[in-house]
């Protein structure tokens, strides 16, 4: 019976160790995803800035789970399509959500 009590005494400790091991792998996975998303965001921004017709525009880039969100305003529909095309060409991008708008200009 004493062996049984000794086992029961260490059971909570074992449960704690197992739960910490599981939590750390989940944390590492979410940290890795955050780093991957940050890297994708940087690569998309860099590619947009490298494009002569897009580098002067204010296009914001955010990435969550590999999905790139483009926001801001562009001058033409062609620039909008080009920004989406560039983002889609980056390795690791799952999809691109286009929330870009075309600037309205006054024609006096």
Foldseek 3Di string as FASTA:
>chain_A
DVVVVVCVVCVVVVVVVVVVVVVVVVVVVVVVQVVVQVVLQVQLLVQQCVDPQRVVFDWHWGGDSLEIEIEGEHADPVSQVVSLVSSVPDPSRPHYHRHYYHDDDDDD
